[in-house]
Amino acid sequence: MKKIILLFFLVFISCDSNDCGDIVDKYERDGKYFFTLTRGNNNNNNSEGGGQAEVTKETYESFSVGQEYCLE
């Protein structure tokens, strides 16, 4: 079930190539690296949700919790 939810969030986040969010958590699982992101609406600063994004080890090590990360 967790894999289905994770896949949903990965698809949800990767739909918009200019999607950015604040990193609220970082974790490693089974040799893969992930950020937990929250997204905001630029028009009115209300929260729009978020999700997980799988990243490379290099990206994982170069960002800290609290920083903004944009999917490429």
N, C-alpha and C. Protein backbone atom coordinates (compact mmCIF):
# COMPACT_ATOMS: atom_id res chain seq x y z
N MET A 1 0.82 -1.19 0.00
CA MET A 1 0.00 0.00 0.00
C MET A 1 0.87 1.27 0.00
N LYS A 2 1.96 1.23 0.78
CA LYS A 2 2.85 2.40 0.83
C LYS A 2 3.45 2.70 -0.54
N LYS A 3 3.76 1.65 -1.30
CA LYS A 3 4.34 1.86 -2.63
C LYS A 3 3.33 2.52 -3.56
N ILE A 4 2.06 2.17 -3.44
CA ILE A 4 1.03 2.79 -4.27
C ILE A 4 0.89 4.27 -3.93
N ILE A 5 0.89 4.58 -2.65
CA ILE A 5 0.79 5.98 -2.23
C ILE A 5 2.01 6.75 -2.70
N LEU A 6 3.19 6.16 -2.54
CA LEU A 6 4.43 6.82 -2.98
C LEU A 6 4.40 7.08 -4.48
N LEU A 7 3.97 6.08 -5.25
CA LEU A 7 3.87 6.27 -6.70
C LEU A 7 2.91 7.39 -7.04
N PHE A 8 1.78 7.45 -6.35
CA PHE A 8 0.81 8.50 -6.60
C PHE A 8 1.44 9.88 -6.39
N PHE A 9 2.17 10.04 -5.28
CA PHE A 9 2.80 11.33 -5.00
C PHE A 9 3.88 11.65 -6.02
N LEU A 10 4.65 10.65 -6.43
CA LEU A 10 5.69 10.90 -7.43
C LEU A 10 5.08 11.36 -8.74
N VAL A 11 4.00 10.73 -9.16
CA VAL A 11 3.31 11.13 -10.39
C VAL A 11 2.70 12.51 -10.21
N PHE A 12 2.08 12.74 -9.06
CA PHE A 12 1.43 14.02 -8.78
C PHE A 12 2.43 15.17 -8.84
N ILE A 13 3.58 14.99 -8.23
CA ILE A 13 4.58 16.06 -8.20
C ILE A 13 5.24 16.24 -9.56
N SER A 14 5.47 15.17 -10.29
CA SER A 14 6.23 15.27 -11.53
C SER A 14 5.39 15.72 -12.72
N CYS A 15 4.12 16.03 -12.52
CA CYS A 15 3.27 16.46 -13.63
C CYS A 15 3.66 17.83 -14.17
N ASP A 16 4.17 18.69 -13.32
CA ASP A 16 4.51 20.05 -13.72
C ASP A 16 6.02 20.22 -13.65
N SER A 17 6.66 20.46 -14.79
CA SER A 17 8.12 20.52 -14.82
C SER A 17 8.67 21.72 -14.05
N ASN A 18 7.86 22.73 -13.76
CA ASN A 18 8.30 23.89 -13.00
C ASN A 18 7.81 23.84 -11.57
N ASP A 19 7.50 22.67 -11.07
CA ASP A 19 6.95 22.49 -9.75
C ASP A 19 8.02 22.66 -8.70
N CYS A 20 7.76 23.52 -7.73
CA CYS A 20 8.71 23.77 -6.65
C CYS A 20 8.02 23.59 -5.31
N GLY A 21 8.80 23.29 -4.30
CA GLY A 21 8.27 23.16 -2.95
C GLY A 21 9.38 23.29 -1.93
N ASP A 22 8.97 23.48 -0.69
CA ASP A 22 9.93 23.55 0.41
C ASP A 22 10.17 22.15 0.95
N ILE A 23 11.42 21.82 1.20
CA ILE A 23 11.78 20.52 1.75
C ILE A 23 11.46 20.53 3.24
N VAL A 24 10.57 19.62 3.66
CA VAL A 24 10.22 19.52 5.07
C VAL A 24 10.81 18.26 5.72
N ASP A 25 11.32 17.35 4.90
CA ASP A 25 11.95 16.14 5.41
C ASP A 25 12.81 15.53 4.31
N LYS A 26 13.87 14.84 4.71
CA LYS A 26 14.73 14.10 3.79
C LYS A 26 14.89 12.71 4.37
N TYR A 27 14.86 11.70 3.50
CA TYR A 27 15.10 10.35 4.00
C TYR A 27 15.64 9.46 2.89
N GLU A 28 16.29 8.37 3.34
CA GLU A 28 16.85 7.37 2.43
C GLU A 28 16.17 6.06 2.75
N ARG A 29 15.76 5.34 1.70
CA ARG A 29 15.14 4.03 1.88
C ARG A 29 15.60 3.11 0.76
N ASP A 30 16.13 1.97 1.13
CA ASP A 30 16.57 0.96 0.17
C ASP A 30 17.53 1.52 -0.88
N GLY A 31 18.43 2.40 -0.45
CA GLY A 31 19.42 2.96 -1.36
C GLY A 31 18.89 4.06 -2.27
N LYS A 32 17.64 4.50 -2.06
CA LYS A 32 17.06 5.61 -2.83
C LYS A 32 16.87 6.79 -1.90
N TYR A 33 16.93 7.99 -2.47
CA TYR A 33 16.88 9.22 -1.69
C TYR A 33 15.62 10.00 -2.03
N PHE A 34 14.99 10.58 -0.97
CA PHE A 34 13.71 11.25 -1.15
C PHE A 34 13.66 12.56 -0.37
N PHE A 35 12.92 13.52 -0.91
CA PHE A 35 12.54 14.73 -0.22
C PHE A 35 11.04 14.68 -0.01
N THR A 36 10.59 15.14 1.15
CA THR A 36 9.17 15.39 1.36
C THR A 36 8.99 16.89 1.16
N LEU A 37 8.08 17.25 0.26
CA LEU A 37 7.91 18.65 -0.12
C LEU A 37 6.52 19.16 0.25
N THR A 38 6.44 20.44 0.58
CA THR A 38 5.16 21.13 0.67
C THR A 38 5.17 22.19 -0.40
N ARG A 39 4.05 22.36 -1.03
CA ARG A 39 3.94 23.35 -2.09
C ARG A 39 3.01 24.47 -1.66
N GLY A 40 3.27 25.67 -2.15
CA GLY A 40 2.42 26.81 -1.88
C GLY A 40 1.91 27.40 -3.17
N ASN A 41 0.81 28.06 -3.08
CA ASN A 41 0.22 28.75 -4.24
C ASN A 41 0.81 30.15 -4.29
N ASN A 42 1.51 30.47 -5.37
CA ASN A 42 2.16 31.77 -5.49
C ASN A 42 1.17 32.92 -5.50
N ASN A 43 -0.08 32.68 -5.87
CA ASN A 43 -1.06 33.76 -5.97
C ASN A 43 -1.56 34.23 -4.61
N ASN A 44 -1.73 33.29 -3.66
CA ASN A 44 -2.28 33.71 -2.38
C ASN A 44 -1.59 33.07 -1.18
N ASN A 45 -0.47 32.41 -1.41
CA ASN A 45 0.35 31.80 -0.36
C ASN A 45 -0.37 30.77 0.48
N ASN A 46 -1.45 30.19 -0.01
CA ASN A 46 -2.10 29.10 0.69
C ASN A 46 -1.43 27.79 0.33
N SER A 47 -1.44 26.87 1.25
CA SER A 47 -0.83 25.57 0.99
C SER A 47 -1.62 24.82 -0.06
N GLU A 48 -0.91 24.16 -0.96
CA GLU A 48 -1.54 23.38 -2.02
C GLU A 48 -1.20 21.91 -1.90
N GLY A 49 -0.68 21.47 -0.77
CA GLY A 49 -0.32 20.07 -0.62
C GLY A 49 1.15 19.86 -0.86
N GLY A 50 1.49 18.68 -1.29
CA GLY A 50 2.88 18.34 -1.51
C GLY A 50 3.01 16.87 -1.77
N GLY A 51 4.16 16.33 -1.47
CA GLY A 51 4.40 14.92 -1.68
C GLY A 51 5.87 14.61 -1.59
N GLN A 52 6.23 13.42 -2.06
CA GLN A 52 7.62 12.98 -2.05
C GLN A 52 8.20 13.08 -3.45
N ALA A 53 9.50 13.33 -3.49
CA ALA A 53 10.22 13.35 -4.75
C ALA A 53 11.49 12.54 -4.59
N GLU A 54 11.70 11.57 -5.47
CA GLU A 54 12.94 10.82 -5.45
C GLU A 54 14.03 11.64 -6.14
N VAL A 55 15.20 11.70 -5.51
CA VAL A 55 16.30 12.50 -6.03
C VAL A 55 17.57 11.67 -6.02
N THR A 56 18.59 12.16 -6.72
CA THR A 56 19.88 11.49 -6.72
C THR A 56 20.58 11.73 -5.39
N LYS A 57 21.58 10.92 -5.10
CA LYS A 57 22.36 11.10 -3.87
C LYS A 57 23.02 12.47 -3.84
N GLU A 58 23.53 12.92 -4.98
CA GLU A 58 24.18 14.23 -5.05
C GLU A 58 23.20 15.35 -4.72
N THR A 59 21.99 15.27 -5.27
CA THR A 59 20.97 16.28 -4.98
C THR A 59 20.58 16.23 -3.51
N TYR A 60 20.40 15.02 -2.99
CA TYR A 60 20.04 14.82 -1.59
C TYR A 60 21.05 15.50 -0.67
N GLU A 61 22.32 15.34 -0.98
CA GLU A 61 23.38 15.89 -0.14
C GLU A 61 23.55 17.40 -0.30
N SER A 62 23.06 17.96 -1.40
CA SER A 62 23.27 19.39 -1.64
C SER A 62 22.12 20.27 -1.16
N PHE A 63 21.03 19.69 -0.68
CA PHE A 63 19.90 20.45 -0.17
C PHE A 63 19.66 20.13 1.29
N SER A 64 19.14 21.11 2.02
CA SER A 64 18.81 20.96 3.43
C SER A 64 17.32 21.17 3.65
N VAL A 65 16.83 20.64 4.77
CA VAL A 65 15.43 20.88 5.15
C VAL A 65 15.22 22.39 5.24
N GLY A 66 14.12 22.86 4.70
CA GLY A 66 13.81 24.30 4.71
C GLY A 66 14.11 24.99 3.40
N GLN A 67 14.94 24.39 2.56
CA GLN A 67 15.27 24.98 1.28
C GLN A 67 14.19 24.66 0.25
N GLU A 68 14.11 25.49 -0.77
CA GLU A 68 13.19 25.25 -1.87
C GLU A 68 13.85 24.31 -2.89
N TYR A 69 13.08 23.35 -3.38
CA TYR A 69 13.56 22.43 -4.40
C TYR A 69 12.57 22.43 -5.55
N CYS A 70 13.08 22.55 -6.76
CA CYS A 70 12.23 22.54 -7.95
C CYS A 70 12.52 21.29 -8.77
N LEU A 71 11.48 20.60 -9.15
CA LEU A 71 11.63 19.43 -10.00
C LEU A 71 12.03 19.88 -11.39
N GLU A 72 12.88 19.11 -12.00
CA GLU A 72 13.37 19.47 -13.33
C GLU A 72 12.57 18.82 -14.41
